[in-house]
Amino acid sequence: MTALSATAMPVSDDKLEKLMAEFATCAVANVSDNLERLRGAKGIKPFHRSGVMVGRALTIKVVPGSNGFIHRALDVVKPGDVLVVDGGGYVDRALIGEIMVAIAKSRGAAGYVIDGAIRDIDNISCNDFPVFARDFIHLGPYKDGPGALNVPVTIGGMMVHPGDIVLGDADGVVAFSPEEAEDLLVCTRAQQKKEEDILASVAAGTYTGAYAK
């Protein structure tokens, strides 16, 4: 994929919605391949039952073990937002559980991505509301630590900016700017078609090993 032009124009809300609907049918692995295999959240995995997540990043920075700013984010979350929480990778206290998942779902959020721990796994794993995190633990959070909303954050080594498109599936999570989304979608679709053709040739017994070259 070519680098994003410095003159890229902002994406309208209508176009952004259409692009996100298209990305909802794309594999995270194919998208990250077309970001030069450099971008992606390492160590962040899905804990919900199944399903793809796509939405706009509402970014949240918290201090380890404190979720007060996640509560603040739930007061301003909009339908289609993904709550992207930089918890510093700290997994000794859970930042969210069943109740905060229910609140996010009721307000139309598209999911959670948390570089930290969660709890109430029995409930979360039985539902399709997307929850991606680093780990789980029963110990709960404090609520009085400092933090910030709508600032650049780091999730599993991946930088996420407010308003980025966030895509998640069983393989993990990737994020990218709306301005690069259209070109990225074209490249991802081309790779998807190439892989479908390869699988068809494997099934037909005509595969020649060209994919490895």
C-alpha atoms as a PDB file:
ATOM      1  CA  MET A   1       0.000   0.000   0.000  1.00  0.00           C
ATOM      2  CA  THR A   2       1.254   3.481  -0.820  1.00  0.00           C
ATOM      3  CA  ALA A   3       1.782   6.071   1.912  1.00  0.00           C
ATOM      4  CA  LEU A   4      -1.068   8.426   2.732  1.00  0.00           C
ATOM      5  CA  SER A   5      -0.830  11.708   0.873  1.00  0.00           C
ATOM      6  CA  ALA A   6      -0.300  14.817   2.966  1.00  0.00           C
ATOM      7  CA  THR A   7      -3.078  16.453   0.941  1.00  0.00           C
ATOM      8  CA  ALA A   8      -5.734  13.842   1.702  1.00  0.00           C
ATOM      9  CA  MET A   9      -9.151  15.402   2.141  1.00  0.00           C
ATOM     10  CA  PRO A  10     -11.399  14.853   5.189  1.00  0.00           C
ATOM     11  CA  VAL A  11     -14.000  12.120   4.792  1.00  0.00           C
ATOM     12  CA  SER A  12     -17.690  13.037   5.059  1.00  0.00           C
ATOM     13  CA  ASP A  13     -19.824  11.260   7.638  1.00  0.00           C
ATOM     14  CA  ASP A  14     -21.918   9.536   4.955  1.00  0.00           C
ATOM     15  CA  LYS A  15     -18.850   8.251   3.137  1.00  0.00           C
ATOM     16  CA  LEU A  16     -17.279   7.144   6.400  1.00  0.00           C
ATOM     17  CA  GLU A  17     -20.346   5.076   7.265  1.00  0.00           C
ATOM     18  CA  LYS A  18     -20.221   3.381   3.864  1.00  0.00           C
ATOM     19  CA  LEU A  19     -16.522   2.659   4.199  1.00  0.00           C
ATOM     20  CA  MET A  20     -16.985   1.150   7.654  1.00  0.00           C
ATOM     21  CA  ALA A  21     -19.774  -1.069   6.343  1.00  0.00           C
ATOM     22  CA  GLU A  22     -17.370  -2.324   3.678  1.00  0.00           C
ATOM     23  CA  PHE A  23     -14.588  -2.937   6.187  1.00  0.00           C
ATOM     24  CA  ALA A  24     -17.000  -4.968   8.315  1.00  0.00           C
ATOM     25  CA  THR A  25     -16.706  -7.654   5.624  1.00  0.00           C
ATOM     26  CA  CYS A  26     -12.885  -7.555   5.538  1.00  0.00           C
ATOM     27  CA  ALA A  27     -10.493  -9.683   7.578  1.00  0.00           C
ATOM     28  CA  VAL A  28      -8.247  -7.860  10.031  1.00  0.00           C
ATOM     29  CA  ALA A  29      -5.317  -9.930   8.745  1.00  0.00           C
ATOM     30  CA  ASN A  30      -5.852  -8.687   5.181  1.00  0.00           C
ATOM     31  CA  VAL A  31      -6.182  -5.088   6.341  1.00  0.00           C
ATOM     32  CA  SER A  32      -2.991  -5.199   8.391  1.00  0.00           C
ATOM     33  CA  ASP A  33      -1.151  -6.846   5.487  1.00  0.00           C
ATOM     34  CA  ASN A  34      -2.006  -3.786   3.414  1.00  0.00           C
ATOM     35  CA  LEU A  35      -0.716  -1.468   6.130  1.00  0.00           C
ATOM     36  CA  GLU A  36       2.722  -2.918   5.363  1.00  0.00           C
ATOM     37  CA  ARG A  37       2.216  -5.431   8.188  1.00  0.00           C
ATOM     38  CA  LEU A  38       3.353  -2.757  10.624  1.00  0.00           C
ATOM     39  CA  ARG A  39       0.131  -1.745  12.363  1.00  0.00           C
ATOM     40  CA  GLY A  40      -1.899  -3.844  14.758  1.00  0.00           C
ATOM     41  CA  ALA A  41      -2.514  -4.238  18.471  1.00  0.00           C
ATOM     42  CA  LYS A  42      -0.265  -6.941  19.894  1.00  0.00           C
ATOM     43  CA  GLY A  43      -1.554  -9.047  22.767  1.00  0.00           C
ATOM     44  CA  ILE A  44      -5.145  -7.793  22.455  1.00  0.00           C
ATOM     45  CA  LYS A  45      -7.681 -10.562  21.897  1.00  0.00           C
ATOM     46  CA  PRO A  46     -11.467 -10.975  21.742  1.00  0.00           C
ATOM     47  CA  PHE A  47     -13.401 -12.120  24.803  1.00  0.00           C
ATOM     48  CA  HIS A  48     -16.937 -11.909  23.378  1.00  0.00           C
ATOM     49  CA  ARG A  49     -18.699 -14.868  21.789  1.00  0.00           C
ATOM     50  CA  SER A  50     -18.283 -13.936  18.131  1.00  0.00           C
ATOM     51  CA  GLY A  51     -18.650 -11.196  15.572  1.00  0.00           C
ATOM     52  CA  VAL A  52     -16.800  -8.369  13.852  1.00  0.00           C
ATOM     53  CA  MET A  53     -16.366  -4.901  15.366  1.00  0.00           C
ATOM     54  CA  VAL A  54     -16.007  -1.719  13.340  1.00  0.00           C
ATOM     55  CA  GLY A  55     -16.467   1.874  14.440  1.00  0.00           C
ATOM     56  CA  ARG A  56     -14.893   5.247  15.198  1.00  0.00           C
ATOM     57  CA  ALA A  57     -12.362   5.504  18.015  1.00  0.00           C
ATOM     58  CA  LEU A  58     -13.398   7.314  21.186  1.00  0.00           C
ATOM     59  CA  THR A  59      -9.996   7.257  22.838  1.00  0.00           C
ATOM     60  CA  ILE A  60      -9.510   7.091  26.593  1.00  0.00           C
ATOM     61  CA  LYS A  61      -6.298   7.289  28.622  1.00  0.00           C
ATOM     62  CA  VAL A  62      -6.376   5.993  32.195  1.00  0.00           C
ATOM     63  CA  VAL A  63      -3.817   5.343  34.872  1.00  0.00           C
ATOM     64  CA  PRO A  64      -3.276   1.664  35.666  1.00  0.00           C
ATOM     65  CA  GLY A  65      -6.165   0.203  37.630  1.00  0.00           C
ATOM     66  CA  SER A  66      -8.483   3.254  37.567  1.00  0.00           C
ATOM     67  CA  ASN A  67     -11.559   3.487  35.327  1.00  0.00           C
ATOM     68  CA  GLY A  68     -13.050   6.869  36.236  1.00  0.00           C
ATOM     69  CA  PHE A  69     -12.399   8.239  32.757  1.00  0.00           C
ATOM     70  CA  ILE A  70     -14.113   5.255  31.153  1.00  0.00           C
ATOM     71  CA  HIS A  71     -17.232   6.259  33.097  1.00  0.00           C
ATOM     72  CA  ARG A  72     -16.815   9.789  31.728  1.00  0.00           C
ATOM     73  CA  ALA A  73     -16.524   8.385  28.227  1.00  0.00           C
ATOM     74  CA  LEU A  74     -19.784   6.479  28.660  1.00  0.00           C
ATOM     75  CA  ASP A  75     -21.486   9.818  29.310  1.00  0.00           C
ATOM     76  CA  VAL A  76     -20.403  11.152  25.898  1.00  0.00           C
ATOM     77  CA  VAL A  77     -20.206   7.990  23.768  1.00  0.00           C
ATOM     78  CA  LYS A  78     -22.114   8.139  20.480  1.00  0.00           C
ATOM     79  CA  PRO A  79     -23.636   5.328  18.438  1.00  0.00           C
ATOM     80  CA  GLY A  80     -20.913   3.675  16.395  1.00  0.00           C
ATOM     81  CA  ASP A  81     -18.060   4.651  18.714  1.00  0.00           C
ATOM     82  CA  VAL A  82     -15.497   2.098  19.834  1.00  0.00           C
ATOM     83  CA  LEU A  83     -14.258   2.845  23.356  1.00  0.00           C
ATOM     84  CA  VAL A  84     -10.482   2.490  22.982  1.00  0.00           C
ATOM     85  CA  VAL A  85      -8.844   2.425  26.416  1.00  0.00           C
ATOM     86  CA  ASP A  86      -5.125   2.815  27.004  1.00  0.00           C
ATOM     87  CA  GLY A  87      -4.649   1.176  30.377  1.00  0.00           C
ATOM     88  CA  GLY A  88      -0.909   0.820  29.969  1.00  0.00           C
ATOM     89  CA  GLY A  89      -1.168  -2.947  29.631  1.00  0.00           C
ATOM     90  CA  TYR A  90      -1.773  -3.265  33.390  1.00  0.00           C
ATOM     91  CA  VAL A  91      -3.671  -6.478  34.165  1.00  0.00           C
ATOM     92  CA  ASP A  92      -3.729  -6.597  37.984  1.00  0.00           C
ATOM     93  CA  ARG A  93      -7.146  -4.846  38.121  1.00  0.00           C
ATOM     94  CA  ALA A  94     -10.079  -5.067  35.738  1.00  0.00           C
ATOM     95  CA  LEU A  95     -11.153  -1.803  34.106  1.00  0.00           C
ATOM     96  CA  ILE A  96     -14.626  -2.914  32.992  1.00  0.00           C
ATOM     97  CA  GLY A  97     -17.094  -5.707  33.594  1.00  0.00           C
ATOM     98  CA  GLU A  98     -20.646  -6.755  32.827  1.00  0.00           C
ATOM     99  CA  ILE A  99     -22.299  -3.492  33.908  1.00  0.00           C
ATOM    100  CA  MET A 100     -20.053  -1.195  31.888  1.00  0.00           C
ATOM    101  CA  VAL A 101     -20.467  -3.451  28.865  1.00  0.00           C
ATOM    102  CA  ALA A 102     -24.249  -3.238  29.248  1.00  0.00           C
ATOM    103  CA  ILE A 103     -24.089   0.564  29.480  1.00  0.00           C
ATOM    104  CA  ALA A 104     -21.939   0.841  26.339  1.00  0.00           C
ATOM    105  CA  LYS A 105     -24.251  -1.480  24.426  1.00  0.00           C
ATOM    106  CA  SER A 106     -27.368   0.410  25.522  1.00  0.00           C
ATOM    107  CA  ARG A 107     -25.861   3.673  24.224  1.00  0.00           C
ATOM    108  CA  GLY A 108     -25.057   2.280  20.810  1.00  0.00           C
ATOM    109  CA  ALA A 109     -21.309   1.829  21.161  1.00  0.00           C
ATOM    110  CA  ALA A 110     -19.673  -0.521  18.683  1.00  0.00           C
ATOM    111  CA  GLY A 111     -17.411  -2.181  21.245  1.00  0.00           C
ATOM    112  CA  TYR A 112     -14.492  -1.928  23.660  1.00  0.00           C
ATOM    113  CA  VAL A 113     -10.765  -2.254  23.036  1.00  0.00           C
ATOM    114  CA  ILE A 114      -8.825  -2.255  26.297  1.00  0.00           C
ATOM    115  CA  ASP A 115      -5.084  -2.480  26.806  1.00  0.00           C
ATOM    116  CA  GLY A 116      -5.652  -3.840  30.282  1.00  0.00           C
ATOM    117  CA  ALA A 117      -7.852  -6.364  32.036  1.00  0.00           C
ATOM    118  CA  ILE A 118     -11.603  -7.003  32.213  1.00  0.00           C
ATOM    119  CA  ARG A 119     -13.818  -9.180  34.390  1.00  0.00           C
ATOM    120  CA  ASP A 120     -17.227 -10.950  34.388  1.00  0.00           C
ATOM    121  CA  ILE A 121     -15.945 -13.225  31.663  1.00  0.00           C
ATOM    122  CA  ASP A 122     -18.850 -15.673  31.954  1.00  0.00           C
ATOM    123  CA  ASN A 123     -21.261 -12.930  30.892  1.00  0.00           C
ATOM    124  CA  ILE A 124     -19.065 -11.255  28.296  1.00  0.00           C
ATOM    125  CA  SER A 125     -18.137 -14.538  26.613  1.00  0.00           C
ATOM    126  CA  CYS A 126     -21.812 -15.465  26.219  1.00  0.00           C
ATOM    127  CA  ASN A 127     -22.661 -12.282  24.318  1.00  0.00           C
ATOM    128  CA  ASP A 128     -21.798 -10.830  20.915  1.00  0.00           C
ATOM    129  CA  PHE A 129     -21.082  -7.253  22.020  1.00  0.00           C
ATOM    130  CA  PRO A 130     -17.424  -6.839  21.022  1.00  0.00           C
ATOM    131  CA  VAL A 131     -14.940  -6.709  23.900  1.00  0.00           C
ATOM    132  CA  PHE A 132     -11.223  -6.922  23.155  1.00  0.00           C
ATOM    133  CA  ALA A 133      -8.693  -6.807  25.988  1.00  0.00           C
ATOM    134  CA  ARG A 134      -5.303  -8.024  27.128  1.00  0.00           C
ATOM    135  CA  ASP A 135      -6.420 -10.299  29.976  1.00  0.00           C
ATOM    136  CA  PHE A 136      -9.016 -10.807  32.713  1.00  0.00           C
ATOM    137  CA  ILE A 137      -8.977 -10.780  36.520  1.00  0.00           C
ATOM    138  CA  HIS A 138     -11.607 -10.615  39.236  1.00  0.00           C
ATOM    139  CA  LEU A 139     -10.026  -7.686  41.128  1.00  0.00           C
ATOM    140  CA  GLY A 140     -11.934  -4.470  40.490  1.00  0.00           C
ATOM    141  CA  PRO A 141     -10.684  -0.961  39.659  1.00  0.00           C
ATOM    142  CA  TYR A 142     -10.344   2.286  41.537  1.00  0.00           C
ATOM    143  CA  LYS A 143     -12.155   5.313  40.150  1.00  0.00           C
ATOM    144  CA  ASP A 144     -10.193   8.373  41.271  1.00  0.00           C
ATOM    145  CA  GLY A 145      -7.166   8.351  38.993  1.00  0.00           C
ATOM    146  CA  PRO A 146      -6.410  11.004  36.367  1.00  0.00           C
ATOM    147  CA  GLY A 147      -6.928  10.426  32.672  1.00  0.00           C
ATOM    148  CA  ALA A 148      -7.980  11.999  29.383  1.00  0.00           C
ATOM    149  CA  LEU A 149     -10.528  11.661  26.584  1.00  0.00           C
ATOM    150  CA  ASN A 150     -10.005  12.090  22.853  1.00  0.00           C
ATOM    151  CA  VAL A 151      -6.213  12.075  22.918  1.00  0.00           C
ATOM    152  CA  PRO A 152      -3.840   9.799  20.985  1.00  0.00           C
ATOM    153  CA  VAL A 153      -3.416   6.494  22.814  1.00  0.00           C
ATOM    154  CA  THR A 154      -1.327   3.358  22.440  1.00  0.00           C
ATOM    155  CA  ILE A 155      -3.011  -0.049  22.400  1.00  0.00           C
ATOM    156  CA  GLY A 156      -0.718  -3.047  22.282  1.00  0.00           C
ATOM    157  CA  GLY A 157       1.962  -0.936  20.651  1.00  0.00           C
ATOM    158  CA  MET A 158      -0.431   0.530  18.057  1.00  0.00           C
ATOM    159  CA  MET A 159      -1.140   4.256  18.027  1.00  0.00           C
ATOM    160  CA  VAL A 160      -4.842   5.165  17.808  1.00  0.00           C
ATOM    161  CA  HIS A 161      -6.070   8.711  17.220  1.00  0.00           C
ATOM    162  CA  PRO A 162      -9.547  10.028  18.033  1.00  0.00           C
ATOM    163  CA  GLY A 163     -11.880   9.267  15.131  1.00  0.00           C
ATOM    164  CA  ASP A 164      -9.717   6.517  13.623  1.00  0.00           C
ATOM    165  CA  ILE A 165     -11.539   3.538  12.156  1.00  0.00           C
ATOM    166  CA  VAL A 166     -11.110   0.537  14.459  1.00  0.00           C
ATOM    167  CA  LEU A 167     -11.659  -2.974  13.099  1.00  0.00           C
ATOM    168  CA  GLY A 168     -11.634  -6.145  15.158  1.00  0.00           C
ATOM    169  CA  ASP A 169     -12.270  -9.826  14.546  1.00  0.00           C
ATOM    170  CA  ALA A 170     -11.116 -13.179  15.922  1.00  0.00           C
ATOM    171  CA  ASP A 171      -7.515 -12.367  14.936  1.00  0.00           C
ATOM    172  CA  GLY A 172      -7.348  -9.091  16.874  1.00  0.00           C
ATOM    173  CA  VAL A 173      -7.584  -5.347  16.266  1.00  0.00           C
ATOM    174  CA  VAL A 174      -6.244  -2.836  13.747  1.00  0.00           C
ATOM    175  CA  ALA A 175      -6.838   0.924  13.416  1.00  0.00           C
ATOM    176  CA  PHE A 176      -6.299   3.451  10.627  1.00  0.00           C
ATOM    177  CA  SER A 177      -7.319   6.973   9.706  1.00  0.00           C
ATOM    178  CA  PRO A 178     -10.506   7.708   7.715  1.00  0.00           C
ATOM    179  CA  GLU A 179      -8.396   9.562   5.148  1.00  0.00           C
ATOM    180  CA  GLU A 180      -6.504   6.423   4.154  1.00  0.00           C
ATOM    181  CA  ALA A 181      -9.539   4.135   4.319  1.00  0.00           C
ATOM    182  CA  GLU A 182     -10.631   4.314   0.673  1.00  0.00           C
ATOM    183  CA  ASP A 183      -7.255   3.333  -0.797  1.00  0.00           C
ATOM    184  CA  LEU A 184      -6.796   0.736   1.935  1.00  0.00           C
ATOM    185  CA  LEU A 185     -10.148  -0.843   1.077  1.00  0.00           C
ATOM    186  CA  VAL A 186      -9.186  -1.166  -2.598  1.00  0.00           C
ATOM    187  CA  CYS A 187      -5.916  -2.902  -1.682  1.00  0.00           C
ATOM    188  CA  THR A 188      -7.618  -5.157   0.850  1.00  0.00           C
ATOM    189  CA  ARG A 189     -10.308  -6.206  -1.628  1.00  0.00           C
ATOM    190  CA  ALA A 190      -7.624  -7.029  -4.214  1.00  0.00           C
ATOM    191  CA  GLN A 191      -5.812  -9.245  -1.716  1.00  0.00           C
ATOM    192  CA  GLN A 192      -9.085 -10.892  -0.712  1.00  0.00           C
ATOM    193  CA  LYS A 193      -9.773 -11.759  -4.364  1.00  0.00           C
ATOM    194  CA  LYS A 194      -6.243 -13.110  -4.823  1.00  0.00           C
ATOM    195  CA  GLU A 195      -6.609 -15.372  -1.802  1.00  0.00           C
ATOM    196  CA  GLU A 196     -10.013 -16.606  -2.974  1.00  0.00           C
ATOM    197  CA  ASP A 197      -8.472 -17.492  -6.339  1.00  0.00           C
ATOM    198  CA  ILE A 198      -5.614 -19.342  -4.632  1.00  0.00           C
ATOM    199  CA  LEU A 199      -7.996 -21.353  -2.454  1.00  0.00           C
ATOM    200  CA  ALA A 200     -10.058 -22.217  -5.518  1.00  0.00           C
ATOM    201  CA  SER A 201      -6.924 -23.455  -7.283  1.00  0.00           C
ATOM    202  CA  VAL A 202      -5.974 -25.533  -4.238  1.00  0.00           C
ATOM    203  CA  ALA A 203      -9.435 -27.101  -4.211  1.00  0.00           C
ATOM    204  CA  ALA A 204      -9.202 -27.785  -7.946  1.00  0.00           C
ATOM    205  CA  GLY A 205      -5.726 -29.294  -7.663  1.00  0.00           C
ATOM    206  CA  THR A 206      -4.165 -26.662  -9.929  1.00  0.00           C
ATOM    207  CA  TYR A 207      -2.217 -24.647  -7.356  1.00  0.00           C
ATOM    208  CA  THR A 208       1.369 -24.035  -8.503  1.00  0.00           C
ATOM    209  CA  GLY A 209       2.907 -22.383  -5.443  1.00  0.00           C
ATOM    210  CA  ALA A 210       2.823 -18.917  -6.994  1.00  0.00           C
ATOM    211  CA  TYR A 211       1.476 -17.380  -3.768  1.00  0.00           C
ATOM    212  CA  ALA A 212       4.764 -18.006  -1.974  1.00  0.00           C
ATOM    213  CA  LYS A 213       6.798 -16.139  -4.585  1.00  0.00           C
END
